[in-house]
PDB file of all heavy atoms in Angstrom:
ATOM      1  N   ASN A   1     -11.915  -1.323 -78.184  1.00  0.00           N
ATOM      2  CA  ASN A   1     -11.109  -1.827 -76.986  1.00  0.00           C
ATOM      3  C   ASN A   1     -11.796  -2.977 -76.306  1.00  0.00           C
ATOM      4  O   ASN A   1     -11.043  -4.003 -75.893  1.00  0.00           O
ATOM      5  CB  ASN A   1     -10.914  -0.760 -75.968  1.00  0.00           C
ATOM      6  CG  ASN A   1     -10.164  -1.061 -74.673  1.00  0.00           C
ATOM      7  OD1 ASN A   1      -9.060  -1.374 -74.765  1.00  0.00           O
ATOM      8  ND2 ASN A   1     -10.868  -0.937 -73.634  1.00  0.00           N
ATOM      9  N   ALA A   2     -13.061  -2.871 -76.123  1.00  0.00           N
ATOM     10  CA  ALA A   2     -13.825  -3.991 -75.565  1.00  0.00           C
ATOM     11  C   ALA A   2     -13.574  -5.405 -76.325  1.00  0.00           C
ATOM     12  O   ALA A   2     -13.399  -6.347 -75.786  1.00  0.00           O
ATOM     13  CB  ALA A   2     -15.240  -3.849 -75.416  1.00  0.00           C
ATOM     14  N   ARG A   3     -13.688  -5.320 -77.556  1.00  0.00           N
ATOM     15  CA  ARG A   3     -13.534  -6.466 -78.541  1.00  0.00           C
ATOM     16  C   ARG A   3     -12.173  -6.901 -78.484  1.00  0.00           C
ATOM     17  O   ARG A   3     -11.870  -8.119 -78.431  1.00  0.00           O
ATOM     18  CB  ARG A   3     -13.934  -6.019 -79.953  1.00  0.00           C
ATOM     19  CG  ARG A   3     -15.242  -6.546 -80.450  1.00  0.00           C
ATOM     20  CD  ARG A   3     -15.480  -6.335 -81.944  1.00  0.00           C
ATOM     21  NE  ARG A   3     -14.867  -5.042 -82.446  1.00  0.00           N
ATOM     22  CZ  ARG A   3     -15.597  -3.918 -82.437  1.00  0.00           C
ATOM     23  NH1 ARG A   3     -16.778  -3.830 -81.757  1.00  0.00           N
ATOM     24  NH2 ARG A   3     -15.037  -2.785 -82.924  1.00  0.00           N
ATOM     25  N   GLU A   4     -11.114  -5.980 -78.563  1.00  0.00           N
ATOM     26  CA  GLU A   4      -9.760  -6.346 -78.825  1.00  0.00           C
ATOM     27  C   GLU A   4      -8.993  -6.684 -77.470  1.00  0.00           C
ATOM     28  O   GLU A   4      -8.046  -7.500 -77.462  1.00  0.00           O
ATOM     29  CB  GLU A   4      -9.017  -5.375 -79.504  1.00  0.00           C
ATOM     30  CG  GLU A   4      -9.504  -5.274 -80.975  1.00  0.00           C
ATOM     31  CD  GLU A   4      -8.801  -4.167 -81.747  1.00  0.00           C
ATOM     32  OE1 GLU A   4      -7.900  -3.520 -81.163  1.00  0.00           O
ATOM     33  OE2 GLU A   4      -9.199  -3.926 -82.874  1.00  0.00           O
ATOM     34  N   ASN A   5      -9.464  -6.183 -76.274  1.00  0.00           N
ATOM     35  CA  ASN A   5      -8.597  -6.262 -75.158  1.00  0.00           C
ATOM     36  C   ASN A   5      -9.469  -6.798 -73.989  1.00  0.00           C
ATOM     37  O   ASN A   5      -9.103  -7.763 -73.261  1.00  0.00           O
ATOM     38  CB  ASN A   5      -8.152  -4.908 -74.646  1.00  0.00           C
ATOM     39  CG  ASN A   5      -7.121  -4.346 -75.668  1.00  0.00           C
ATOM     40  OD1 ASN A   5      -6.201  -5.053 -76.087  1.00  0.00           O
ATOM     41  ND2 ASN A   5      -7.283  -3.230 -76.255  1.00  0.00           N
ATOM     42  N   VAL A   6     -10.749  -6.313 -73.749  1.00  0.00           N
ATOM     43  CA  VAL A   6     -11.474  -6.685 -72.490  1.00  0.00           C
ATOM     44  C   VAL A   6     -11.959  -8.171 -72.728  1.00  0.00           C
ATOM     45  O   VAL A   6     -11.871  -9.028 -71.736  1.00  0.00           O
ATOM     46  CB  VAL A   6     -12.632  -5.657 -72.313  1.00  0.00           C
ATOM     47  CG1 VAL A   6     -13.496  -6.245 -71.098  1.00  0.00           C
ATOM     48  CG2 VAL A   6     -12.080  -4.321 -71.902  1.00  0.00           C
ATOM     49  N   ALA A   7     -12.595  -8.461 -73.855  1.00  0.00           N
ATOM     50  CA  ALA A   7     -13.175  -9.678 -74.082  1.00  0.00           C
ATOM     51  C   ALA A   7     -12.212 -10.775 -74.049  1.00  0.00           C
ATOM     52  O   ALA A   7     -12.433 -11.804 -73.317  1.00  0.00           O
ATOM     53  CB  ALA A   7     -13.932  -9.866 -75.348  1.00  0.00           C
ATOM     54  N   PRO A   8     -10.914 -10.685 -74.660  1.00  0.00           N
ATOM     55  CA  PRO A   8      -9.916 -11.669 -74.523  1.00  0.00           C
ATOM     56  C   PRO A   8      -9.532 -11.990 -73.050  1.00  0.00           C
ATOM     57  O   PRO A   8      -9.211 -13.053 -72.627  1.00  0.00           O
ATOM     58  CB  PRO A   8      -8.855 -11.230 -75.457  1.00  0.00           C
ATOM     59  CG  PRO A   8      -9.485 -10.377 -76.373  1.00  0.00           C
ATOM     60  CD  PRO A   8     -10.615  -9.701 -75.671  1.00  0.00           C
ATOM     61  N   ALA A   9      -9.376 -10.769 -72.394  1.00  0.00           N
ATOM     62  CA  ALA A   9      -9.032 -10.911 -70.890  1.00  0.00           C
ATOM     63  C   ALA A   9      -9.970 -11.680 -70.120  1.00  0.00           C
ATOM     64  O   ALA A   9      -9.617 -12.536 -69.213  1.00  0.00           O
ATOM     65  CB  ALA A   9      -8.679  -9.531 -70.255  1.00  0.00           C
ATOM     66  N   LEU A  10     -11.281 -11.478 -70.307  1.00  0.00           N
ATOM     67  CA  LEU A  10     -12.292 -12.136 -69.612  1.00  0.00           C
ATOM     68  C   LEU A  10     -12.317 -13.554 -69.978  1.00  0.00           C
ATOM     69  O   LEU A  10     -12.500 -14.462 -69.066  1.00  0.00           O
ATOM     70  CB  LEU A  10     -13.619 -11.529 -70.063  1.00  0.00           C
ATOM     71  CG  LEU A  10     -13.965 -10.142 -69.394  1.00  0.00           C
ATOM     72  CD1 LEU A  10     -15.198  -9.539 -69.953  1.00  0.00           C
ATOM     73  CD2 LEU A  10     -14.135 -10.214 -67.964  1.00  0.00           C
ATOM     74  N   ARG A  11     -12.131 -13.985 -71.250  1.00  0.00           N
ATOM     75  CA  ARG A  11     -12.071 -15.397 -71.653  1.00  0.00           C
ATOM     76  C   ARG A  11     -11.089 -16.191 -70.914  1.00  0.00           C
ATOM     77  O   ARG A  11     -11.214 -17.426 -70.758  1.00  0.00           O
ATOM     78  CB  ARG A  11     -11.865 -15.409 -73.236  1.00  0.00           C
ATOM     79  CG  ARG A  11     -13.121 -15.198 -73.951  1.00  0.00           C
ATOM     80  CD  ARG A  11     -13.031 -15.555 -75.413  1.00  0.00           C
ATOM     81  NE  ARG A  11     -12.141 -14.769 -76.203  1.00  0.00           N
ATOM     82  CZ  ARG A  11     -12.377 -13.759 -76.792  1.00  0.00           C
ATOM     83  NH1 ARG A  11     -13.541 -13.276 -76.825  1.00  0.00           N
ATOM     84  NH2 ARG A  11     -11.411 -13.027 -77.523  1.00  0.00           N
ATOM     85  N   GLU A  12     -10.081 -15.468 -70.358  1.00  0.00           N
ATOM     86  CA  GLU A  12      -8.919 -16.149 -69.694  1.00  0.00           C
ATOM     87  C   GLU A  12      -9.366 -16.538 -68.255  1.00  0.00           C
ATOM     88  O   GLU A  12      -8.788 -17.252 -67.529  1.00  0.00           O
ATOM     89  CB  GLU A  12      -7.687 -15.331 -69.601  1.00  0.00           C
ATOM     90  CG  GLU A  12      -7.074 -15.005 -70.926  1.00  0.00           C
ATOM     91  CD  GLU A  12      -6.623 -16.380 -71.641  1.00  0.00           C
ATOM     92  OE1 GLU A  12      -5.950 -17.110 -70.956  1.00  0.00           O
ATOM     93  OE2 GLU A  12      -6.894 -16.481 -72.749  1.00  0.00           O
ATOM     94  N   LEU A  13     -10.448 -15.957 -67.756  1.00  0.00           N
ATOM     95  CA  LEU A  13     -10.854 -16.153 -66.292  1.00  0.00           C
ATOM     96  C   LEU A  13     -11.817 -17.434 -66.282  1.00  0.00           C
ATOM     97  O   LEU A  13     -12.664 -17.635 -66.940  1.00  0.00           O
ATOM     98  CB  LEU A  13     -11.609 -14.867 -65.882  1.00  0.00           C
ATOM     99  CG  LEU A  13     -10.850 -13.548 -65.861  1.00  0.00           C
ATOM    100  CD1 LEU A  13     -11.741 -12.487 -65.407  1.00  0.00           C
ATOM    101  CD2 LEU A  13      -9.597 -13.646 -64.889  1.00  0.00           C
ATOM    102  N   GLU A  14     -11.372 -18.025 -65.320  1.00  0.00           N
ATOM    103  CA  GLU A  14     -12.124 -19.430 -65.145  1.00  0.00           C
ATOM    104  C   GLU A  14     -13.634 -19.191 -64.839  1.00  0.00           C
ATOM    105  O   GLU A  14     -14.034 -18.354 -64.013  1.00  0.00           O
ATOM    106  CB  GLU A  14     -11.625 -20.185 -63.829  1.00  0.00           C
ATOM    107  CG  GLU A  14     -12.150 -21.550 -63.740  1.00  0.00           C
ATOM    108  CD  GLU A  14     -11.408 -22.480 -62.643  1.00  0.00           C
ATOM    109  OE1 GLU A  14     -10.278 -22.088 -62.429  1.00  0.00           O
ATOM    110  OE2 GLU A  14     -12.057 -23.365 -62.168  1.00  0.00           O
ATOM    111  N   GLY A  15     -14.501 -19.956 -65.566  1.00  0.00           N
ATOM    112  CA  GLY A  15     -15.945 -19.827 -65.336  1.00  0.00           C
ATOM    113  C   GLY A  15     -16.701 -18.825 -66.054  1.00  0.00           C
ATOM    114  O   GLY A  15     -17.829 -18.600 -66.055  1.00  0.00           O
ATOM    115  N   PHE A  16     -15.802 -17.973 -67.015  1.00  0.00           N
ATOM    116  CA  PHE A  16     -16.350 -17.094 -67.869  1.00  0.00           C
ATOM    117  C   PHE A  16     -17.302 -17.672 -68.845  1.00  0.00           C
ATOM    118  O   PHE A  16     -16.937 -18.627 -69.484  1.00  0.00           O
ATOM    119  CB  PHE A  16     -15.463 -16.137 -68.414  1.00  0.00           C
ATOM    120  CG  PHE A  16     -15.868 -15.249 -69.495  1.00  0.00           C
ATOM    121  CD1 PHE A  16     -16.442 -14.040 -69.082  1.00  0.00           C
ATOM    122  CD2 PHE A  16     -15.787 -15.443 -70.885  1.00  0.00           C
ATOM    123  CE1 PHE A  16     -16.979 -13.043 -69.993  1.00  0.00           C
ATOM    124  CE2 PHE A  16     -16.118 -14.479 -71.790  1.00  0.00           C
ATOM    125  CZ  PHE A  16     -16.783 -13.401 -71.286  1.00  0.00           C
ATOM    126  N   ALA A  17     -18.582 -17.170 -69.075  1.00  0.00           N
ATOM    127  CA  ALA A  17     -19.570 -17.659 -69.887  1.00  0.00           C
ATOM    128  C   ALA A  17     -20.073 -16.786 -71.052  1.00  0.00           C
ATOM    129  O   ALA A  17     -20.827 -17.175 -71.834  1.00  0.00           O
ATOM    130  CB  ALA A  17     -20.612 -18.242 -69.045  1.00  0.00           C
ATOM    131  N   GLY A  18     -19.556 -15.503 -71.005  1.00  0.00           N
ATOM    132  CA  GLY A  18     -20.053 -14.573 -72.065  1.00  0.00           C
ATOM    133  C   GLY A  18     -20.130 -13.138 -71.604  1.00  0.00           C
ATOM    134  O   GLY A  18     -19.953 -12.799 -70.434  1.00  0.00           O
ATOM    135  N   LEU A  19     -20.250 -12.287 -72.644  1.00  0.00           N
ATOM    136  CA  LEU A  19     -20.147 -10.871 -72.564  1.00  0.00           C
ATOM    137  C   LEU A  19     -21.149 -10.111 -73.419  1.00  0.00           C
ATOM    138  O   LEU A  19     -21.181 -10.567 -74.599  1.00  0.00           O
ATOM    139  CB  LEU A  19     -18.759 -10.308 -72.834  1.00  0.00           C
ATOM    140  CG  LEU A  19     -18.627  -8.798 -72.930  1.00  0.00           C
ATOM    141  CD1 LEU A  19     -18.798  -8.175 -71.584  1.00  0.00           C
ATOM    142  CD2 LEU A  19     -17.241  -8.512 -73.555  1.00  0.00           C
ATOM    143  N   LEU A  20     -21.974  -9.290 -72.937  1.00  0.00           N
ATOM    144  CA  LEU A  20     -22.832  -8.356 -73.835  1.00  0.00           C
ATOM    145  C   LEU A  20     -22.402  -6.896 -73.373  1.00  0.00           C
ATOM    146  O   LEU A  20     -22.208  -6.725 -72.193  1.00  0.00           O
ATOM    147  CB  LEU A  20     -24.168  -8.566 -73.473  1.00  0.00           C
ATOM    148  CG  LEU A  20     -24.911  -9.872 -73.778  1.00  0.00           C
ATOM    149  CD1 LEU A  20     -26.367  -9.887 -73.277  1.00  0.00           C
ATOM    150  CD2 LEU A  20     -24.813 -10.040 -75.283  1.00  0.00           C
ATOM    151  N   ILE A  21     -22.202  -6.126 -74.349  1.00  0.00           N
ATOM    152  CA  ILE A  21     -22.117  -4.644 -74.065  1.00  0.00           C
ATOM    153  C   ILE A  21     -23.257  -3.922 -74.884  1.00  0.00           C
ATOM    154  O   ILE A  21     -23.425  -4.141 -76.089  1.00  0.00           O
ATOM    155  CB  ILE A  21     -20.752  -4.158 -74.436  1.00  0.00           C
ATOM    156  CG1 ILE A  21     -19.733  -4.859 -73.545  1.00  0.00           C
ATOM    157  CG2 ILE A  21     -20.719  -2.559 -74.232  1.00  0.00           C
ATOM    158  CD1 ILE A  21     -18.288  -4.448 -73.845  1.00  0.00           C
ATOM    159  N   LEU A  22     -24.028  -3.036 -74.120  1.00  0.00           N
ATOM    160  CA  LEU A  22     -25.085  -2.304 -74.709  1.00  0.00           C
ATOM    161  C   LEU A  22     -24.781  -0.895 -74.592  1.00  0.00           C
ATOM    162  O   LEU A  22     -24.105  -0.534 -73.538  1.00  0.00           O
ATOM    163  CB  LEU A  22     -26.298  -2.560 -73.943  1.00  0.00           C
ATOM    164  CG  LEU A  22     -26.849  -4.052 -73.839  1.00  0.00           C
ATOM    165  CD1 LEU A  22     -27.988  -4.165 -72.866  1.00  0.00           C
ATOM    166  CD2 LEU A  22     -27.060  -4.647 -75.170  1.00  0.00           C
ATOM    167  N   GLY A  23     -24.984  -0.095 -75.575  1.00  0.00           N
ATOM    168  CA  GLY A  23     -24.602   1.327 -75.451  1.00  0.00           C
ATOM    169  C   GLY A  23     -25.556   2.244 -76.217  1.00  0.00           C
ATOM    170  O   GLY A  23     -26.178   1.860 -77.083  1.00  0.00           O
ATOM    171  N   ASP A  24     -25.551   3.513 -75.810  1.00  0.00           N
ATOM    172  CA  ASP A  24     -26.421   4.610 -76.473  1.00  0.00           C
ATOM    173  C   ASP A  24     -25.416   5.719 -76.706  1.00  0.00           C
ATOM    174  O   ASP A  24     -25.047   6.434 -75.722  1.00  0.00           O
ATOM    175  CB  ASP A  24     -27.516   5.097 -75.401  1.00  0.00           C
ATOM    176  CG  ASP A  24     -28.331   6.135 -75.994  1.00  0.00           C
ATOM    177  OD1 ASP A  24     -27.953   6.623 -77.121  1.00  0.00           O
ATOM    178  OD2 ASP A  24     -29.397   6.404 -75.307  1.00  0.00           O
ATOM    179  N   ARG A  25     -25.069   5.718 -77.865  1.00  0.00           N
ATOM    180  CA  ARG A  25     -24.000   6.780 -78.381  1.00  0.00           C
ATOM    181  C   ARG A  25     -24.499   8.140 -77.958  1.00  0.00           C
ATOM    182  O   ARG A  25     -23.636   9.017 -77.595  1.00  0.00           O
ATOM    183  CB  ARG A  25     -23.943   6.567 -79.831  1.00  0.00           C
ATOM    184  CG  ARG A  25     -22.802   7.403 -80.423  1.00  0.00           C
ATOM    185  CD  ARG A  25     -22.802   7.263 -81.923  1.00  0.00           C
ATOM    186  NE  ARG A  25     -22.826   5.908 -82.400  1.00  0.00           N
ATOM    187  CZ  ARG A  25     -21.592   5.218 -82.755  1.00  0.00           C
ATOM    188  NH1 ARG A  25     -20.446   5.785 -82.562  1.00  0.00           N
ATOM    189  NH2 ARG A  25     -21.727   3.991 -83.061  1.00  0.00           N
ATOM    190  N   SER A  26     -25.787   8.524 -78.101  1.00  0.00           N
ATOM    191  CA  SER A  26     -26.229   9.926 -77.978  1.00  0.00           C
ATOM    192  C   SER A  26     -26.145  10.334 -76.435  1.00  0.00           C
ATOM    193  O   SER A  26     -25.894  11.415 -76.271  1.00  0.00           O
ATOM    194  CB  SER A  26     -27.722  10.102 -78.555  1.00  0.00           C
ATOM    195  OG  SER A  26     -28.625   9.232 -77.782  1.00  0.00           O
ATOM    196  N   SER A  27     -26.464   9.438 -75.616  1.00  0.00           N
ATOM    197  CA  SER A  27     -26.336   9.828 -74.189  1.00  0.00           C
ATOM    198  C   SER A  27     -24.914   9.381 -73.503  1.00  0.00           C
ATOM    199  O   SER A  27     -24.690  10.035 -72.416  1.00  0.00           O
ATOM    200  CB  SER A  27     -27.413   9.010 -73.385  1.00  0.00           C
ATOM    201  OG  SER A  27     -27.021   7.591 -73.254  1.00  0.00           O
ATOM    202  N   GLY A  28     -24.150   8.678 -74.171  1.00  0.00           N
ATOM    203  CA  GLY A  28     -22.856   8.230 -73.495  1.00  0.00           C
ATOM    204  C   GLY A  28     -22.998   7.129 -72.626  1.00  0.00           C
ATOM    205  O   GLY A  28     -22.049   6.793 -71.955  1.00  0.00           O
ATOM    206  N   ARG A  29     -24.229   6.603 -72.363  1.00  0.00           N
ATOM    207  CA  ARG A  29     -24.363   5.565 -71.364  1.00  0.00           C
ATOM    208  C   ARG A  29     -24.211   4.172 -71.992  1.00  0.00           C
ATOM    209  O   ARG A  29     -24.550   4.005 -73.093  1.00  0.00           O
ATOM    210  CB  ARG A  29     -25.818   5.624 -70.745  1.00  0.00           C
ATOM    211  CG  ARG A  29     -26.097   6.875 -69.848  1.00  0.00           C
ATOM    212  CD  ARG A  29     -27.485   6.928 -69.443  1.00  0.00           C
ATOM    213  NE  ARG A  29     -27.766   5.792 -68.537  1.00  0.00           N
ATOM    214  CZ  ARG A  29     -27.714   5.970 -67.217  1.00  0.00           C
ATOM    215  NH1 ARG A  29     -27.492   7.104 -66.635  1.00  0.00           N
ATOM    216  NH2 ARG A  29     -28.132   4.880 -66.394  1.00  0.00           N
ATOM    217  N   SER A  30     -23.565   3.307 -71.192  1.00  0.00           N
ATOM    218  CA  SER A  30     -23.273   1.928 -71.655  1.00  0.00           C
ATOM    219  C   SER A  30     -23.397   0.997 -70.463  1.00  0.00           C
ATOM    220  O   SER A  30     -23.473   1.409 -69.352  1.00  0.00           O
ATOM    221  CB  SER A  30     -21.944   1.885 -72.316  1.00  0.00           C
ATOM    222  OG  SER A  30     -20.917   2.055 -71.486  1.00  0.00           O
TER     223      SER A  30
END
């Protein structure tokens, strides 16, 4: 969802310069 929906929506916002998403599958934290 982040790749297909969130990132493209962010790219449409003026001044957007990048996105990183970090996650830990075992703890569910991201």
